[in-house]
């Protein structure tokens, strides 16, 4: 009779461990999702590289990734 209660207790304890593991995994999956921040990006008019608008050089409506590309497309400019 006592052996039956021992096995029942072990089964309940094992079920408790499995449920606890599943709950922890669910919490880790929810917290591990990366939160990305949207960035306004533009394309270099010379080479086509995409870069953040804050890092780009602008000339009128065109954006450039470097001063060399700005000067290559606009040789009369000296910025």
PDB file of N, CA and C in Angstrom:
ATOM      1  N   UNK A   1       0.828  -1.192   0.000  1.00  0.00           N
ATOM      2  CA  UNK A   1       0.000   0.000   0.000  1.00  0.00           C
ATOM      3  C   UNK A   1       0.876   1.261   0.000  1.00  0.00           C
ATOM      4  N   UNK A   2       1.942   1.268   0.766  1.00  0.00           N
ATOM      5  CA  UNK A   2       2.816   2.421   0.865  1.00  0.00           C
ATOM      6  C   UNK A   2       3.573   2.671  -0.431  1.00  0.00           C
ATOM      7  N   UNK A   3       3.866   1.594  -1.156  1.00  0.00           N
ATOM      8  CA  UNK A   3       4.574   1.716  -2.422  1.00  0.00           C
ATOM      9  C   UNK A   3       3.712   2.422  -3.470  1.00  0.00           C
ATOM     10  N   UNK A   4       2.434   2.189  -3.417  1.00  0.00           N
ATOM     11  CA  UNK A   4       1.498   2.830  -4.342  1.00  0.00           C
ATOM     12  C   UNK A   4       1.513   4.350  -4.141  1.00  0.00           C
ATOM     13  N   UNK A   5       1.517   4.793  -2.889  1.00  0.00           N
ATOM     14  CA  UNK A   5       1.551   6.236  -2.600  1.00  0.00           C
ATOM     15  C   UNK A   5       2.894   6.852  -3.008  1.00  0.00           C
ATOM     16  N   UNK A   6       3.949   6.083  -2.883  1.00  0.00           N
ATOM     17  CA  UNK A   6       5.255   6.559  -3.302  1.00  0.00           C
ATOM     18  C   UNK A   6       5.280   6.804  -4.813  1.00  0.00           C
ATOM     19  N   UNK A   7       4.777   5.861  -5.595  1.00  0.00           N
ATOM     20  CA  UNK A   7       4.722   6.031  -7.050  1.00  0.00           C
ATOM     21  C   UNK A   7       3.797   7.167  -7.448  1.00  0.00           C
ATOM     22  N   UNK A   8       2.694   7.309  -6.752  1.00  0.00           N
ATOM     23  CA  UNK A   8       1.757   8.405  -7.029  1.00  0.00           C
ATOM     24  C   UNK A   8       2.427   9.753  -6.736  1.00  0.00           C
ATOM     25  N   UNK A   9       3.150   9.832  -5.652  1.00  0.00           N
ATOM     26  CA  UNK A   9       3.862  11.057  -5.301  1.00  0.00           C
ATOM     27  C   UNK A   9       4.928  11.400  -6.321  1.00  0.00           C
ATOM     28  N   UNK A  10       5.662  10.371  -6.794  1.00  0.00           N
ATOM     29  CA  UNK A  10       6.680  10.597  -7.815  1.00  0.00           C
ATOM     30  C   UNK A  10       6.051  11.056  -9.128  1.00  0.00           C
ATOM     31  N   UNK A  11       4.908  10.512  -9.469  1.00  0.00           N
ATOM     32  CA  UNK A  11       4.222  10.919 -10.703  1.00  0.00           C
ATOM     33  C   UNK A  11       3.756  12.370 -10.608  1.00  0.00           C
ATOM     34  N   UNK A  12       3.202  12.761  -9.463  1.00  0.00           N
ATOM     35  CA  UNK A  12       2.746  14.139  -9.271  1.00  0.00           C
ATOM     36  C   UNK A  12       3.945  15.083  -9.299  1.00  0.00           C
ATOM     37  N   UNK A  13       5.044  14.702  -8.656  1.00  0.00           N
ATOM     38  CA  UNK A  13       6.242  15.537  -8.637  1.00  0.00           C
ATOM     39  C   UNK A  13       6.815  15.685 -10.054  1.00  0.00           C
ATOM     40  N   UNK A  14       6.859  14.599 -10.820  1.00  0.00           N
ATOM     41  CA  UNK A  14       7.331  14.653 -12.200  1.00  0.00           C
ATOM     42  C   UNK A  14       6.448  15.536 -13.063  1.00  0.00           C
ATOM     43  N   UNK A  15       5.149  15.434 -12.899  1.00  0.00           N
ATOM     44  CA  UNK A  15       4.216  16.298 -13.632  1.00  0.00           C
ATOM     45  C   UNK A  15       4.432  17.762 -13.271  1.00  0.00           C
ATOM     46  N   UNK A  16       4.684  18.028 -11.994  1.00  0.00           N
ATOM     47  CA  UNK A  16       4.960  19.390 -11.555  1.00  0.00           C
ATOM     48  C   UNK A  16       6.231  19.927 -12.240  1.00  0.00           C
ATOM     49  N   UNK A  17       7.278  19.120 -12.321  1.00  0.00           N
ATOM     50  CA  UNK A  17       8.531  19.549 -12.951  1.00  0.00           C
ATOM     51  C   UNK A  17       8.338  19.816 -14.442  1.00  0.00           C
ATOM     52  N   UNK A  18       7.572  18.981 -15.106  1.00  0.00           N
ATOM     53  CA  UNK A  18       7.324  19.174 -16.537  1.00  0.00           C
ATOM     54  C   UNK A  18       6.555  20.461 -16.782  1.00  0.00           C
ATOM     55  N   UNK A  19       5.511  20.706 -16.002  1.00  0.00           N
ATOM     56  CA  UNK A  19       4.708  21.926 -16.167  1.00  0.00           C
ATOM     57  C   UNK A  19       5.553  23.159 -15.873  1.00  0.00           C
ATOM     58  N   UNK A  20       6.369  23.093 -14.824  1.00  0.00           N
ATOM     59  CA  UNK A  20       7.233  24.230 -14.481  1.00  0.00           C
ATOM     60  C   UNK A  20       8.225  24.512 -15.610  1.00  0.00           C
ATOM     61  N   UNK A  21       8.775  23.481 -16.198  1.00  0.00           N
ATOM     62  CA  UNK A  21       9.713  23.638 -17.318  1.00  0.00           C
ATOM     63  C   UNK A  21       9.022  24.288 -18.509  1.00  0.00           C
ATOM     64  N   UNK A  22       7.822  23.844 -18.846  1.00  0.00           N
ATOM     65  CA  UNK A  22       7.089  24.415 -19.976  1.00  0.00           C
ATOM     66  C   UNK A  22       6.743  25.887 -19.754  1.00  0.00           C
ATOM     67  N   UNK A  23       6.380  26.230 -18.537  1.00  0.00           N
ATOM     68  CA  UNK A  23       6.058  27.632 -18.224  1.00  0.00           C
ATOM     69  C   UNK A  23       7.299  28.505 -18.348  1.00  0.00           C
ATOM     70  N   UNK A  24       8.433  28.025 -17.855  1.00  0.00           N
ATOM     71  CA  UNK A  24       9.677  28.793 -17.967  1.00  0.00           C
ATOM     72  C   UNK A  24      10.095  28.970 -19.422  1.00  0.00           C
ATOM     73  N   UNK A  25       9.955  27.932 -20.235  1.00  0.00           N
ATOM     74  CA  UNK A  25      10.299  28.036 -21.650  1.00  0.00           C
ATOM     75  C   UNK A  25       9.427  29.070 -22.348  1.00  0.00           C
ATOM     76  N   UNK A  26       8.154  29.094 -22.024  1.00  0.00           N
ATOM     77  CA  UNK A  26       7.229  30.053 -22.632  1.00  0.00           C
ATOM     78  C   UNK A  26       7.629  31.483 -22.253  1.00  0.00           C
ATOM     79  N   UNK A  27       8.009  31.698 -20.998  1.00  0.00           N
ATOM     80  CA  UNK A  27       8.439  33.029 -20.562  1.00  0.00           C
ATOM     81  C   UNK A  27       9.722  33.448 -21.269  1.00  0.00           C
ATOM     82  N   UNK A  28      10.663  32.513 -21.437  1.00  0.00           N
ATOM     83  CA  UNK A  28      11.917  32.833 -22.120  1.00  0.00           C
ATOM     84  C   UNK A  28      11.676  33.168 -23.578  1.00  0.00           C
ATOM     85  N   UNK A  29      10.777  32.463 -24.245  1.00  0.00           N
ATOM     86  CA  UNK A  29      10.479  32.744 -25.646  1.00  0.00           C
ATOM     87  C   UNK A  29       9.852  34.122 -25.799  1.00  0.00           C
ATOM     88  N   UNK A  30       8.979  34.497 -24.881  1.00  0.00           N
ATOM     89  CA  UNK A  30       8.324  35.804 -24.962  1.00  0.00           C
ATOM     90  C   UNK A  30       9.298  36.939 -24.696  1.00  0.00           C
ATOM     91  N   UNK A  31      10.230  36.748 -23.775  1.00  0.00           N
ATOM     92  CA  UNK A  31      11.160  37.824 -23.439  1.00  0.00           C
ATOM     93  C   UNK A  31      12.344  37.878 -24.393  1.00  0.00           C
ATOM     94  N   UNK A  32      12.597  36.817 -25.145  1.00  0.00           N
ATOM     95  CA  UNK A  32      13.758  36.774 -26.026  1.00  0.00           C
ATOM     96  C   UNK A  32      13.481  37.379 -27.394  1.00  0.00           C
ATOM     97  N   UNK A  33      12.271  37.787 -27.668  1.00  0.00           N
ATOM     98  CA  UNK A  33      11.956  38.367 -28.965  1.00  0.00           C
ATOM     99  C   UNK A  33      12.667  39.715 -29.099  1.00  0.00           C
ATOM    100  N   UNK A  34      13.460  39.879 -30.149  1.00  0.00           N
ATOM    101  CA  UNK A  34      14.168  41.147 -30.308  1.00  0.00           C
ATOM    102  C   UNK A  34      13.197  42.272 -30.651  1.00  0.00           C
ATOM    103  N   UNK A  35      13.448  43.387 -30.062  1.00  0.00           N
ATOM    104  CA  UNK A  35      12.615  44.560 -30.339  1.00  0.00           C
ATOM    105  C   UNK A  35      13.429  45.500 -31.211  1.00  0.00           C
ATOM    106  N   UNK A  36      13.032  45.578 -32.457  1.00  0.00           N
ATOM    107  CA  UNK A  36      13.778  46.402 -33.396  1.00  0.00           C
ATOM    108  C   UNK A  36      13.144  47.779 -33.511  1.00  0.00           C
ATOM    109  N   UNK A  37      13.982  48.728 -33.762  1.00  0.00           N
ATOM    110  CA  UNK A  37      13.538  50.101 -33.909  1.00  0.00           C
ATOM    111  C   UNK A  37      13.596  50.457 -35.389  1.00  0.00           C
ATOM    112  N   UNK A  38      12.533  51.002 -35.889  1.00  0.00           N
ATOM    113  CA  UNK A  38      12.493  51.377 -37.300  1.00  0.00           C
ATOM    114  C   UNK A  38      13.414  52.575 -37.548  1.00  0.00           C
ATOM    115  N   UNK A  39      14.150  52.510 -38.649  1.00  0.00           N
ATOM    116  CA  UNK A  39      15.081  53.577 -39.004  1.00  0.00           C
ATOM    117  C   UNK A  39      14.713  54.078 -40.391  1.00  0.00           C
ATOM    118  N   UNK A  40      14.651  55.394 -40.540  1.00  0.00           N
ATOM    119  CA  UNK A  40      14.423  55.967 -41.864  1.00  0.00           C
ATOM    120  C   UNK A  40      15.706  55.826 -42.661  1.00  0.00           C
ATOM    121  N   UNK A  41      15.624  55.098 -43.769  1.00  0.00           N
ATOM    122  CA  UNK A  41      16.819  54.896 -44.573  1.00  0.00           C
ATOM    123  C   UNK A  41      16.639  55.502 -45.954  1.00  0.00           C
ATOM    124  N   UNK A  42      17.770  55.826 -46.554  1.00  0.00           N
ATOM    125  CA  UNK A  42      17.791  56.403 -47.898  1.00  0.00           C
ATOM    126  C   UNK A  42      18.808  55.619 -48.722  1.00  0.00           C
ATOM    127  N   UNK A  43      18.759  55.797 -50.028  1.00  0.00           N
ATOM    128  CA  UNK A  43      19.656  55.086 -50.933  1.00  0.00           C
ATOM    129  C   UNK A  43      20.617  56.090 -51.559  1.00  0.00           C
ATOM    130  N   UNK A  44      21.892  55.711 -51.588  1.00  0.00           N
ATOM    131  CA  UNK A  44      22.910  56.561 -52.211  1.00  0.00           C
ATOM    132  C   UNK A  44      22.597  56.671 -53.707  1.00  0.00           C
ATOM    133  N   UNK A  45      22.573  57.893 -54.208  1.00  0.00           N
ATOM    134  CA  UNK A  45      22.253  58.118 -55.618  1.00  0.00           C
ATOM    135  C   UNK A  45      23.376  57.648 -56.535  1.00  0.00           C
ATOM    136  N   UNK A  46      24.566  57.448 -56.003  1.00  0.00           N
ATOM    137  CA  UNK A  46      25.702  57.039 -56.833  1.00  0.00           C
ATOM    138  C   UNK A  46      25.865  55.514 -56.872  1.00  0.00           C
ATOM    139  N   UNK A  47      25.895  54.865 -55.700  1.00  0.00           N
ATOM    140  CA  UNK A  47      26.183  53.424 -55.668  1.00  0.00           C
ATOM    141  C   UNK A  47      24.994  52.564 -55.274  1.00  0.00           C
ATOM    142  N   UNK A  48      23.932  53.149 -54.757  1.00  0.00           N
ATOM    143  CA  UNK A  48      22.747  52.389 -54.392  1.00  0.00           C
ATOM    144  C   UNK A  48      22.752  51.828 -52.981  1.00  0.00           C
ATOM    145  N   UNK A  49      23.769  52.134 -52.187  1.00  0.00           N
ATOM    146  CA  UNK A  49      23.852  51.652 -50.817  1.00  0.00           C
ATOM    147  C   UNK A  49      22.732  52.260 -49.980  1.00  0.00           C
ATOM    148  N   UNK A  50      22.082  51.451 -49.140  1.00  0.00           N
ATOM    149  CA  UNK A  50      21.067  51.957 -48.222  1.00  0.00           C
ATOM    150  C   UNK A  50      21.738  52.278 -46.891  1.00  0.00           C
ATOM    151  N   UNK A  51      21.426  53.434 -46.347  1.00  0.00           N
ATOM    152  CA  UNK A  51      22.001  53.850 -45.083  1.00  0.00           C
ATOM    153  C   UNK A  51      21.009  54.737 -44.347  1.00  0.00           C
ATOM    154  N   UNK A  52      21.171  54.885 -43.019  1.00  0.00           N
ATOM    155  CA  UNK A  52      20.262  55.749 -42.260  1.00  0.00           C
ATOM    156  C   UNK A  52      20.330  57.186 -42.754  1.00  0.00           C
ATOM    157  N   UNK A  53      19.190  57.850 -42.766  1.00  0.00           N
ATOM    158  CA  UNK A  53      19.108  59.227 -43.249  1.00  0.00           C
ATOM    159  C   UNK A  53      20.026  60.150 -42.450  1.00  0.00           C
ATOM    160  N   UNK A  54      20.189  59.866 -41.159  1.00  0.00           N
ATOM    161  CA  UNK A  54      21.037  60.713 -40.311  1.00  0.00           C
ATOM    162  C   UNK A  54      22.510  60.642 -40.711  1.00  0.00           C
ATOM    163  N   UNK A  55      22.938  59.546 -41.321  1.00  0.00           N
ATOM    164  CA  UNK A  55      24.340  59.383 -41.713  1.00  0.00           C
ATOM    165  C   UNK A  55      24.602  59.804 -43.153  1.00  0.00           C
ATOM    166  N   UNK A  56      23.554  60.065 -43.907  1.00  0.00           N
ATOM    167  CA  UNK A  56      23.711  60.372 -45.327  1.00  0.00           C
ATOM    168  C   UNK A  56      24.003  61.847 -45.554  1.00  0.00           C
ATOM    169  N   UNK A  57      24.691  62.134 -46.648  1.00  0.00           N
ATOM    170  CA  UNK A  57      24.922  63.505 -47.103  1.00  0.00           C
ATOM    171  C   UNK A  57      23.869  63.798 -48.160  1.00  0.00           C
ATOM    172  N   UNK A  58      23.263  64.964 -48.093  1.00  0.00           N
ATOM    173  CA  UNK A  58      22.204  65.266 -49.056  1.00  0.00           C
ATOM    174  C   UNK A  58      22.595  66.421 -49.961  1.00  0.00           C
ATOM    175  N   UNK A  59      22.059  66.349 -51.172  1.00  0.00           N
ATOM    176  CA  UNK A  59      22.237  67.415 -52.149  1.00  0.00           C
ATOM    177  C   UNK A  59      20.926  67.508 -52.905  1.00  0.00           C
ATOM    178  N   UNK A  60      20.133  68.501 -52.569  1.00  0.00           N
ATOM    179  CA  UNK A  60      18.793  68.597 -53.143  1.00  0.00           C
ATOM    180  C   UNK A  60      17.945  67.432 -52.669  1.00  0.00           C
ATOM    181  N   UNK A  61      17.398  66.670 -53.597  1.00  0.00           N
ATOM    182  CA  UNK A  61      16.589  65.499 -53.259  1.00  0.00           C
ATOM    183  C   UNK A  61      17.415  64.216 -53.204  1.00  0.00           C
ATOM    184  N   UNK A  62      18.689  64.270 -53.567  1.00  0.00           N
ATOM    185  CA  UNK A  62      19.541  63.084 -53.621  1.00  0.00           C
ATOM    186  C   UNK A  62      20.326  62.932 -52.324  1.00  0.00           C
ATOM    187  N   UNK A  63      20.592  61.681 -51.973  1.00  0.00           N
ATOM    188  CA  UNK A  63      21.386  61.359 -50.788  1.00  0.00           C
ATOM    189  C   UNK A  63      22.605  60.562 -51.214  1.00  0.00           C
ATOM    190  N   UNK A  64      23.705  60.740 -50.479  1.00  0.00           N
ATOM    191  CA  UNK A  64      24.957  60.077 -50.806  1.00  0.00           C
ATOM    192  C   UNK A  64      25.553  59.470 -49.539  1.00  0.00           C
ATOM    193  N   UNK A  65      26.289  58.356 -49.726  1.00  0.00           N
ATOM    194  CA  UNK A  65      26.889  57.665 -48.581  1.00  0.00           C
ATOM    195  C   UNK A  65      28.234  58.263 -48.185  1.00  0.00           C
ATOM    196  N   UNK A  66      28.884  59.004 -49.073  1.00  0.00           N
ATOM    197  CA  UNK A  66      30.179  59.595 -48.747  1.00  0.00           C
ATOM    198  C   UNK A  66      30.373  60.880 -49.550  1.00  0.00           C
ATOM    199  N   UNK A  67      31.345  61.650 -49.111  1.00  0.00           N
ATOM    200  CA  UNK A  67      31.660  62.898 -49.811  1.00  0.00           C
ATOM    201  C   UNK A  67      32.187  62.619 -51.213  1.00  0.00           C
ATOM    202  N   UNK A  68      32.914  61.521 -51.376  1.00  0.00           N
ATOM    203  CA  UNK A  68      33.451  61.162 -52.699  1.00  0.00           C
ATOM    204  C   UNK A  68      32.324  60.896 -53.687  1.00  0.00           C
ATOM    205  N   UNK A  69      31.273  60.230 -53.258  1.00  0.00           N
ATOM    206  CA  UNK A  69      30.160  59.953 -54.163  1.00  0.00           C
ATOM    207  C   UNK A  69      29.357  61.219 -54.454  1.00  0.00           C
ATOM    208  N   UNK A  70      29.241  62.096 -53.476  1.00  0.00           N
ATOM    209  CA  UNK A  70      28.560  63.369 -53.712  1.00  0.00           C
ATOM    210  C   UNK A  70      29.320  64.164 -54.771  1.00  0.00           C
ATOM    211  N   UNK A  71      30.645  64.211 -54.634  1.00  0.00           N
ATOM    212  CA  UNK A  71      31.458  64.961 -55.593  1.00  0.00           C
ATOM    213  C   UNK A  71      31.504  64.286 -56.962  1.00  0.00           C
ATOM    214  N   UNK A  72      31.412  62.963 -56.993  1.00  0.00           N
ATOM    215  CA  UNK A  72      31.433  62.256 -58.276  1.00  0.00           C
ATOM    216  C   UNK A  72      30.190  62.570 -59.102  1.00  0.00           C
ATOM    217  N   UNK A  73      29.056  62.705 -58.458  1.00  0.00           N
ATOM    218  CA  UNK A  73      27.814  63.024 -59.170  1.00  0.00           C
ATOM    219  C   UNK A  73      27.630  64.525 -59.377  1.00  0.00           C
ATOM    220  N   UNK A  74      28.301  65.336 -58.583  1.00  0.00           N
ATOM    221  CA  UNK A  74      28.182  66.783 -58.663  1.00  0.00           C
ATOM    222  C   UNK A  74      29.575  67.402 -58.650  1.00  0.00           C
ATOM    223  N   UNK A  75      30.276  67.342 -59.757  1.00  0.00           N
ATOM    224  CA  UNK A  75      31.666  67.823 -59.782  1.00  0.00           C
ATOM    225  C   UNK A  75      31.810  69.321 -59.511  1.00  0.00           C
ATOM    226  N   UNK A  76      30.760  70.091 -59.734  1.00  0.00           N
ATOM    227  CA  UNK A  76      30.845  71.542 -59.495  1.00  0.00           C
ATOM    228  C   UNK A  76      30.703  71.895 -58.020  1.00  0.00           C
ATOM    229  N   UNK A  77      30.272  70.968 -57.201  1.00  0.00           N
ATOM    230  CA  UNK A  77      30.107  71.198 -55.744  1.00  0.00           C
ATOM    231  C   UNK A  77      31.426  70.999 -55.042  1.00  0.00           C
ATOM    232  N   UNK A  78      31.690  71.795 -54.034  1.00  0.00           N
ATOM    233  CA  UNK A  78      32.878  71.632 -53.188  1.00  0.00           C
ATOM    234  C   UNK A  78      32.460  71.845 -51.755  1.00  0.00           C
ATOM    235  N   UNK A  79      31.824  70.803 -51.169  1.00  0.00           N
ATOM    236  CA  UNK A  79      31.320  70.908 -49.789  1.00  0.00           C
ATOM    237  C   UNK A  79      32.252  70.298 -48.807  1.00  0.00           C
TER     238      UNK A  79
END
